[in-house]
C-alpha atoms as a PDB file:
ATOM      1  CA  MET A   1      -4.225 -70.385  -7.763  1.00  0.00           C
ATOM      2  CA  PHE A   2      -6.294 -71.208  -4.665  1.00  0.00           C
ATOM      3  CA  THR A   3      -6.475 -74.717  -3.474  1.00  0.00           C
ATOM      4  CA  PHE A   4      -9.128 -75.703  -0.982  1.00  0.00           C
ATOM      5  CA  ALA A   5      -9.160 -78.698   1.221  1.00  0.00           C
ATOM      6  CA  ARG A   6     -12.208 -80.888   1.065  1.00  0.00           C
ATOM      7  CA  ARG A   7     -13.331 -79.649   4.469  1.00  0.00           C
ATOM      8  CA  GLU A   8     -13.054 -75.978   3.444  1.00  0.00           C
ATOM      9  CA  LEU A   9     -14.953 -76.655   0.210  1.00  0.00           C
ATOM     10  CA  LEU A  10     -17.802 -78.343   2.118  1.00  0.00           C
ATOM     11  CA  GLY A  11     -17.956 -75.429   4.605  1.00  0.00           C
ATOM     12  CA  ALA A  12     -18.127 -72.865   1.757  1.00  0.00           C
ATOM     13  CA  LEU A  13     -20.863 -74.862  -0.013  1.00  0.00           C
ATOM     14  CA  PHE A  14     -22.808 -75.139   3.263  1.00  0.00           C
ATOM     15  CA  LEU A  15     -22.632 -71.377   3.811  1.00  0.00           C
ATOM     16  CA  ALA A  16     -23.663 -70.711   0.196  1.00  0.00           C
ATOM     17  CA  GLY A  17     -26.606 -73.102   0.671  1.00  0.00           C
ATOM     18  CA  LEU A  18     -27.691 -71.290   3.833  1.00  0.00           C
ATOM     19  CA  LEU A  19     -27.517 -67.962   1.977  1.00  0.00           C
ATOM     20  CA  VAL A  20     -29.640 -69.250  -0.909  1.00  0.00           C
ATOM     21  CA  ALA A  21     -32.161 -70.803   1.514  1.00  0.00           C
ATOM     22  CA  GLY A  22     -32.425 -67.530   3.460  1.00  0.00           C
ATOM     23  CA  LEU A  23     -32.952 -65.512   0.281  1.00  0.00           C
ATOM     24  CA  LEU A  24     -35.620 -67.944  -0.931  1.00  0.00           C
ATOM     25  CA  LEU A  25     -37.372 -67.791   2.392  1.00  0.00           C
ATOM     26  CA  ARG A  26     -37.289 -63.998   2.483  1.00  0.00           C
ATOM     27  CA  PHE A  27     -38.301 -63.160  -1.077  1.00  0.00           C
ATOM     28  CA  VAL A  28     -40.320 -66.153  -2.280  1.00  0.00           C
ATOM     29  CA  LEU A  29     -42.021 -67.745   0.679  1.00  0.00           C
ATOM     30  CA  LEU A  30     -42.450 -64.577   2.806  1.00  0.00           C
ATOM     31  CA  PRO A  31     -42.775 -61.698   0.327  1.00  0.00           C
ATOM     32  CA  ASP A  32     -43.393 -58.118   1.508  1.00  0.00           C
ATOM     33  CA  LYS A  33     -47.030 -57.547   2.092  1.00  0.00           C
ATOM     34  CA  GLU A  34     -47.605 -54.127   0.659  1.00  0.00           C
ATOM     35  CA  GLN A  35     -50.430 -52.281   2.292  1.00  0.00           C
ATOM     36  CA  GLU A  36     -52.909 -50.978  -0.177  1.00  0.00           C
ATOM     37  CA  ILE A  37     -54.367 -47.559   0.581  1.00  0.00           C
ATOM     38  CA  VAL A  38     -57.973 -47.251  -0.445  1.00  0.00           C
ATOM     39  CA  LEU A  39     -59.531 -43.802  -0.627  1.00  0.00           C
ATOM     40  CA  VAL A  40     -63.266 -43.819  -0.096  1.00  0.00           C
ATOM     41  CA  GLN A  41     -65.225 -40.950  -1.545  1.00  0.00           C
ATOM     42  CA  PRO A  42     -67.893 -39.670   0.858  1.00  0.00           C
ATOM     43  CA  THR A  43     -71.403 -40.513  -0.158  1.00  0.00           C
ATOM     44  CA  GLU A  44     -74.666 -38.987   0.903  1.00  0.00           C
ATOM     45  CA  GLN A  45     -74.891 -41.505   3.740  1.00  0.00           C
ATOM     46  CA  GLN A  46     -71.438 -40.559   5.006  1.00  0.00           C
ATOM     47  CA  ALA A  47     -72.122 -36.832   5.162  1.00  0.00           C
ATOM     48  CA  PRO A  48     -70.471 -35.154   8.152  1.00  0.00           C
ATOM     49  CA  GLU A  49     -72.679 -34.820  11.199  1.00  0.00           C
ATOM     50  CA  GLU A  50     -74.046 -31.382  11.923  1.00  0.00           C
ATOM     51  CA  GLU A  51     -72.570 -29.668  14.933  1.00  0.00           C
ATOM     52  CA  LYS A  52     -74.941 -29.601  17.915  1.00  0.00           C
ATOM     53  CA  MET A  53     -75.978 -26.078  18.833  1.00  0.00           C
ATOM     54  CA  ILE A  54     -77.217 -24.622  22.121  1.00  0.00           C
ATOM     55  CA  VAL A  55     -79.279 -21.520  22.854  1.00  0.00           C
ATOM     56  CA  VAL A  56     -78.139 -19.175  25.634  1.00  0.00           C
ATOM     57  CA  HIS A  57     -79.712 -15.966  26.996  1.00  0.00           C
ATOM     58  CA  VAL A  58     -77.300 -13.156  27.904  1.00  0.00           C
ATOM     59  CA  SER A  59     -78.411 -10.095  29.857  1.00  0.00           C
ATOM     60  CA  GLY A  60     -76.995  -7.469  32.150  1.00  0.00           C
ATOM     61  CA  ALA A  61     -73.907  -5.379  31.437  1.00  0.00           C
ATOM     62  CA  VAL A  62     -73.264  -6.448  27.825  1.00  0.00           C
ATOM     63  CA  LYS A  63     -73.457  -4.353  24.659  1.00  0.00           C
ATOM     64  CA  ASN A  64     -76.149  -6.459  22.944  1.00  0.00           C
ATOM     65  CA  PRO A  65     -78.205  -8.517  25.421  1.00  0.00           C
ATOM     66  CA  GLY A  66     -80.302 -11.232  23.861  1.00  0.00           C
ATOM     67  CA  VAL A  67     -80.555 -14.865  22.898  1.00  0.00           C
ATOM     68  CA  TYR A  68     -77.597 -16.434  21.097  1.00  0.00           C
ATOM     69  CA  THR A  69     -77.047 -19.766  19.352  1.00  0.00           C
ATOM     70  CA  LEU A  70     -73.589 -21.246  19.920  1.00  0.00           C
ATOM     71  CA  PRO A  71     -71.861 -24.595  19.344  1.00  0.00           C
ATOM     72  CA  ASP A  72     -72.300 -27.108  22.156  1.00  0.00           C
ATOM     73  CA  GLY A  73     -69.388 -26.904  24.576  1.00  0.00           C
ATOM     74  CA  SER A  74     -69.084 -23.115  24.345  1.00  0.00           C
ATOM     75  CA  ARG A  75     -67.951 -21.169  27.403  1.00  0.00           C
ATOM     76  CA  VAL A  76     -69.270 -18.085  29.204  1.00  0.00           C
ATOM     77  CA  PHE A  77     -66.572 -15.819  27.754  1.00  0.00           C
ATOM     78  CA  GLU A  78     -67.629 -16.852  24.230  1.00  0.00           C
ATOM     79  CA  VAL A  79     -71.289 -15.906  24.720  1.00  0.00           C
ATOM     80  CA  ILE A  80     -70.244 -12.544  26.214  1.00  0.00           C
ATOM     81  CA  ALA A  81     -68.111 -11.936  23.118  1.00  0.00           C
ATOM     82  CA  SER A  82     -71.081 -12.905  20.913  1.00  0.00           C
ATOM     83  CA  ALA A  83     -73.152 -10.293  22.767  1.00  0.00           C
ATOM     84  CA  GLY A  84     -70.698  -7.612  21.650  1.00  0.00           C
ATOM     85  CA  GLY A  85     -68.563  -7.789  24.772  1.00  0.00           C
ATOM     86  CA  ALA A  86     -69.008  -6.489  28.285  1.00  0.00           C
ATOM     87  CA  LEU A  87     -69.765  -2.855  29.058  1.00  0.00           C
ATOM     88  CA  PRO A  88     -67.081  -0.822  30.884  1.00  0.00           C
ATOM     89  CA  GLU A  89     -68.973  -1.024  34.181  1.00  0.00           C
ATOM     90  CA  ALA A  90     -69.350  -4.824  33.949  1.00  0.00           C
ATOM     91  CA  ASN A  91     -67.853  -7.018  36.620  1.00  0.00           C
ATOM     92  CA  VAL A  92     -67.014 -10.047  34.477  1.00  0.00           C
ATOM     93  CA  HIS A  93     -64.751 -11.427  37.179  1.00  0.00           C
ATOM     94  CA  ALA A  94     -67.820 -12.160  39.283  1.00  0.00           C
ATOM     95  CA  LEU A  95     -68.611 -14.857  36.699  1.00  0.00           C
ATOM     96  CA  ASN A  96     -66.784 -18.080  35.950  1.00  0.00           C
ATOM     97  CA  LEU A  97     -65.720 -17.172  32.411  1.00  0.00           C
ATOM     98  CA  ALA A  98     -64.514 -20.717  31.738  1.00  0.00           C
ATOM     99  CA  GLU A  99     -67.810 -22.349  32.752  1.00  0.00           C
ATOM    100  CA  ALA A 100     -69.228 -24.630  30.057  1.00  0.00           C
ATOM    101  CA  LEU A 101     -72.643 -23.569  28.809  1.00  0.00           C
ATOM    102  CA  PHE A 102     -75.635 -25.776  28.171  1.00  0.00           C
ATOM    103  CA  ASP A 103     -78.867 -25.341  26.244  1.00  0.00           C
ATOM    104  CA  GLY A 104     -81.289 -22.964  27.930  1.00  0.00           C
ATOM    105  CA  LYS A 105     -78.713 -21.345  30.228  1.00  0.00           C
ATOM    106  CA  LYS A 106     -79.122 -17.689  31.235  1.00  0.00           C
ATOM    107  CA  ILE A 107     -76.034 -15.594  31.921  1.00  0.00           C
ATOM    108  CA  VAL A 108     -76.440 -12.289  33.739  1.00  0.00           C
ATOM    109  CA  VAL A 109     -73.327 -10.115  33.578  1.00  0.00           C
ATOM    110  CA  PRO A 110     -73.277  -8.019  36.762  1.00  0.00           C
ATOM    111  CA  GLY A 111     -72.479  -4.324  36.554  1.00  0.00           C
ATOM    112  CA  ALA A 112     -72.779  -1.080  38.513  1.00  0.00           C
ATOM    113  CA  LYS A 113     -76.170  -0.254  36.931  1.00  0.00           C
ATOM    114  CA  LEU A 114     -77.787  -3.593  37.822  1.00  0.00           C
ATOM    115  CA  GLN A 115     -80.358  -3.440  40.547  1.00  0.00           C
ATOM    116  CA  GLU A 116     -80.304  -5.507  43.715  1.00  0.00           C
ATOM    117  CA  GLY A 117     -80.605  -9.226  42.938  1.00  0.00           C
ATOM    118  CA  GLU A 118     -80.521  -8.750  39.168  1.00  0.00           C
ATOM    119  CA  GLY A 119     -77.074 -10.324  38.888  1.00  0.00           C
ATOM    120  CA  GLN A 120     -78.312 -13.657  40.176  1.00  0.00           C
ATOM    121  CA  THR A 121     -80.147 -16.330  38.275  1.00  0.00           C
ATOM    122  CA  VAL A 122     -83.886 -15.939  38.733  1.00  0.00           C
ATOM    123  CA  PRO A 123     -85.118 -18.534  41.222  1.00  0.00           C
ATOM    124  CA  PRO A 124     -87.845 -20.888  40.077  1.00  0.00           C
ATOM    125  CA  GLN A 125     -91.324 -19.517  40.720  1.00  0.00           C
ATOM    126  CA  ASP A 126     -92.548 -22.780  42.263  1.00  0.00           C
ATOM    127  CA  GLY A 127     -90.207 -22.517  45.285  1.00  0.00           C
ATOM    128  CA  ARG A 128     -87.683 -25.115  44.127  1.00  0.00           C
ATOM    129  CA  ILE A 129     -83.987 -24.385  44.715  1.00  0.00           C
ATOM    130  CA  ASN A 130     -81.787 -23.880  41.657  1.00  0.00           C
ATOM    131  CA  ILE A 131     -78.797 -26.155  42.286  1.00  0.00           C
ATOM    132  CA  ASN A 132     -76.689 -24.166  39.788  1.00  0.00           C
ATOM    133  CA  SER A 133     -76.889 -20.889  41.693  1.00  0.00           C
ATOM    134  CA  ALA A 134     -77.783 -21.803  45.277  1.00  0.00           C
ATOM    135  CA  THR A 135     -75.305 -21.175  48.059  1.00  0.00           C
ATOM    136  CA  ALA A 136     -74.343 -23.899  50.523  1.00  0.00           C
ATOM    137  CA  VAL A 137     -76.662 -22.308  53.108  1.00  0.00           C
ATOM    138  CA  GLU A 138     -79.592 -22.439  50.671  1.00  0.00           C
ATOM    139  CA  LEU A 139     -78.800 -26.059  49.754  1.00  0.00           C
ATOM    140  CA  GLU A 140     -78.909 -27.026  53.439  1.00  0.00           C
ATOM    141  CA  LYS A 141     -82.654 -26.289  53.383  1.00  0.00           C
ATOM    142  CA  LEU A 142     -83.142 -29.372  51.206  1.00  0.00           C
ATOM    143  CA  PRO A 143     -84.221 -32.588  52.963  1.00  0.00           C
ATOM    144  CA  GLY A 144     -81.253 -34.832  53.736  1.00  0.00           C
ATOM    145  CA  ILE A 145     -78.670 -32.190  52.814  1.00  0.00           C
ATOM    146  CA  GLY A 146     -76.494 -30.991  55.660  1.00  0.00           C
ATOM    147  CA  PRO A 147     -73.464 -28.701  55.629  1.00  0.00           C
ATOM    148  CA  ALA A 148     -71.103 -31.411  54.321  1.00  0.00           C
ATOM    149  CA  ARG A 149     -73.276 -32.428  51.357  1.00  0.00           C
ATOM    150  CA  ALA A 150     -74.174 -28.808  50.572  1.00  0.00           C
ATOM    151  CA  GLY A 151     -70.483 -27.956  50.475  1.00  0.00           C
ATOM    152  CA  ALA A 152     -69.821 -30.997  48.266  1.00  0.00           C
ATOM    153  CA  ILE A 153     -72.524 -29.857  45.810  1.00  0.00           C
ATOM    154  CA  VAL A 154     -71.015 -26.371  45.582  1.00  0.00           C
ATOM    155  CA  ARG A 155     -67.484 -27.781  45.131  1.00  0.00           C
ATOM    156  CA  GLU A 156     -68.660 -30.162  42.397  1.00  0.00           C
ATOM    157  CA  ARG A 157     -70.425 -27.307  40.592  1.00  0.00           C
ATOM    158  CA  GLU A 158     -67.338 -25.079  40.820  1.00  0.00           C
ATOM    159  CA  LYS A 159     -64.987 -27.852  39.715  1.00  0.00           C
ATOM    160  CA  ASN A 160     -66.971 -29.386  36.832  1.00  0.00           C
ATOM    161  CA  GLY A 161     -69.422 -26.663  35.852  1.00  0.00           C
ATOM    162  CA  SER A 162     -73.173 -26.353  36.130  1.00  0.00           C
ATOM    163  CA  PHE A 163     -75.471 -29.307  36.476  1.00  0.00           C
ATOM    164  CA  ARG A 164     -77.340 -29.945  33.218  1.00  0.00           C
ATOM    165  CA  GLN A 165     -80.055 -32.048  34.818  1.00  0.00           C
ATOM    166  CA  VAL A 166     -81.140 -33.065  38.306  1.00  0.00           C
ATOM    167  CA  GLU A 167     -79.623 -36.545  37.777  1.00  0.00           C
ATOM    168  CA  ASP A 168     -76.178 -34.908  37.629  1.00  0.00           C
ATOM    169  CA  LEU A 169     -76.345 -34.555  41.427  1.00  0.00           C
ATOM    170  CA  ALA A 170     -75.230 -38.193  41.474  1.00  0.00           C
ATOM    171  CA  ARG A 171     -71.745 -36.885  40.492  1.00  0.00           C
ATOM    172  CA  VAL A 172     -71.458 -35.531  44.043  1.00  0.00           C
ATOM    173  CA  SER A 173     -69.762 -37.825  46.538  1.00  0.00           C
ATOM    174  CA  GLY A 174     -72.316 -39.027  49.082  1.00  0.00           C
ATOM    175  CA  ILE A 175     -75.360 -38.519  46.837  1.00  0.00           C
ATOM    176  CA  GLY A 176     -76.766 -41.606  45.164  1.00  0.00           C
ATOM    177  CA  PRO A 177     -79.783 -42.340  42.973  1.00  0.00           C
ATOM    178  CA  LYS A 178     -82.157 -42.597  45.957  1.00  0.00           C
ATOM    179  CA  THR A 179     -81.150 -39.168  47.247  1.00  0.00           C
ATOM    180  CA  VAL A 180     -81.499 -37.697  43.747  1.00  0.00           C
ATOM    181  CA  GLU A 181     -85.053 -39.057  43.535  1.00  0.00           C
ATOM    182  CA  ALA A 182     -85.882 -37.684  46.980  1.00  0.00           C
ATOM    183  CA  LEU A 183     -84.596 -34.228  45.974  1.00  0.00           C
ATOM    184  CA  ARG A 184     -86.216 -34.121  42.523  1.00  0.00           C
ATOM    185  CA  GLU A 185     -89.347 -32.235  43.629  1.00  0.00           C
ATOM    186  CA  TYR A 186     -87.315 -29.706  45.645  1.00  0.00           C
ATOM    187  CA  VAL A 187     -84.635 -28.717  43.125  1.00  0.00           C
ATOM    188  CA  ALA A 188     -84.426 -27.187  39.668  1.00  0.00           C
ATOM    189  CA  VAL A 189     -81.685 -26.760  37.086  1.00  0.00           C
ATOM    190  CA  HIS A 190     -81.483 -23.420  35.272  1.00  0.00           C
END
């Protein structure tokens, strides 16, 4: 039948030996490490965290003005919808509908029936300037705030939403912790 030379026989045996060694290595010495999936049942300690809620006051040209509780991170358009929607005479485009809300915020929806000044946030009674509603001209009245910094504050507020606390002024380029401390008694956040 087939006759093999000694050299061919040794080559075939060597290849067979390599095949057996490879199979041993693969399946015996390095077996598949199956990953075990473990399902953990939630316990009382692992209960899901409650969603943080905020309270927002809505007034002006809405169907149901009042105080509303919403999930943290809600936007102005969501609180207007919660208040039953805007009235036909409302000027909702005067507001930043995408602005993120924070706890204690008051939203006044301007409309034709609102009286002079009613569409603005009420200024603090102690004479401090509300950094969330002040114009650049009003911000320039603050010590150490000139036209450039006042403009930067307004741009930061428009870009990233209202300031939640006075310390958030440090987000503004050119205003550091020392300036924030110097302004603390002159500004308010509403």
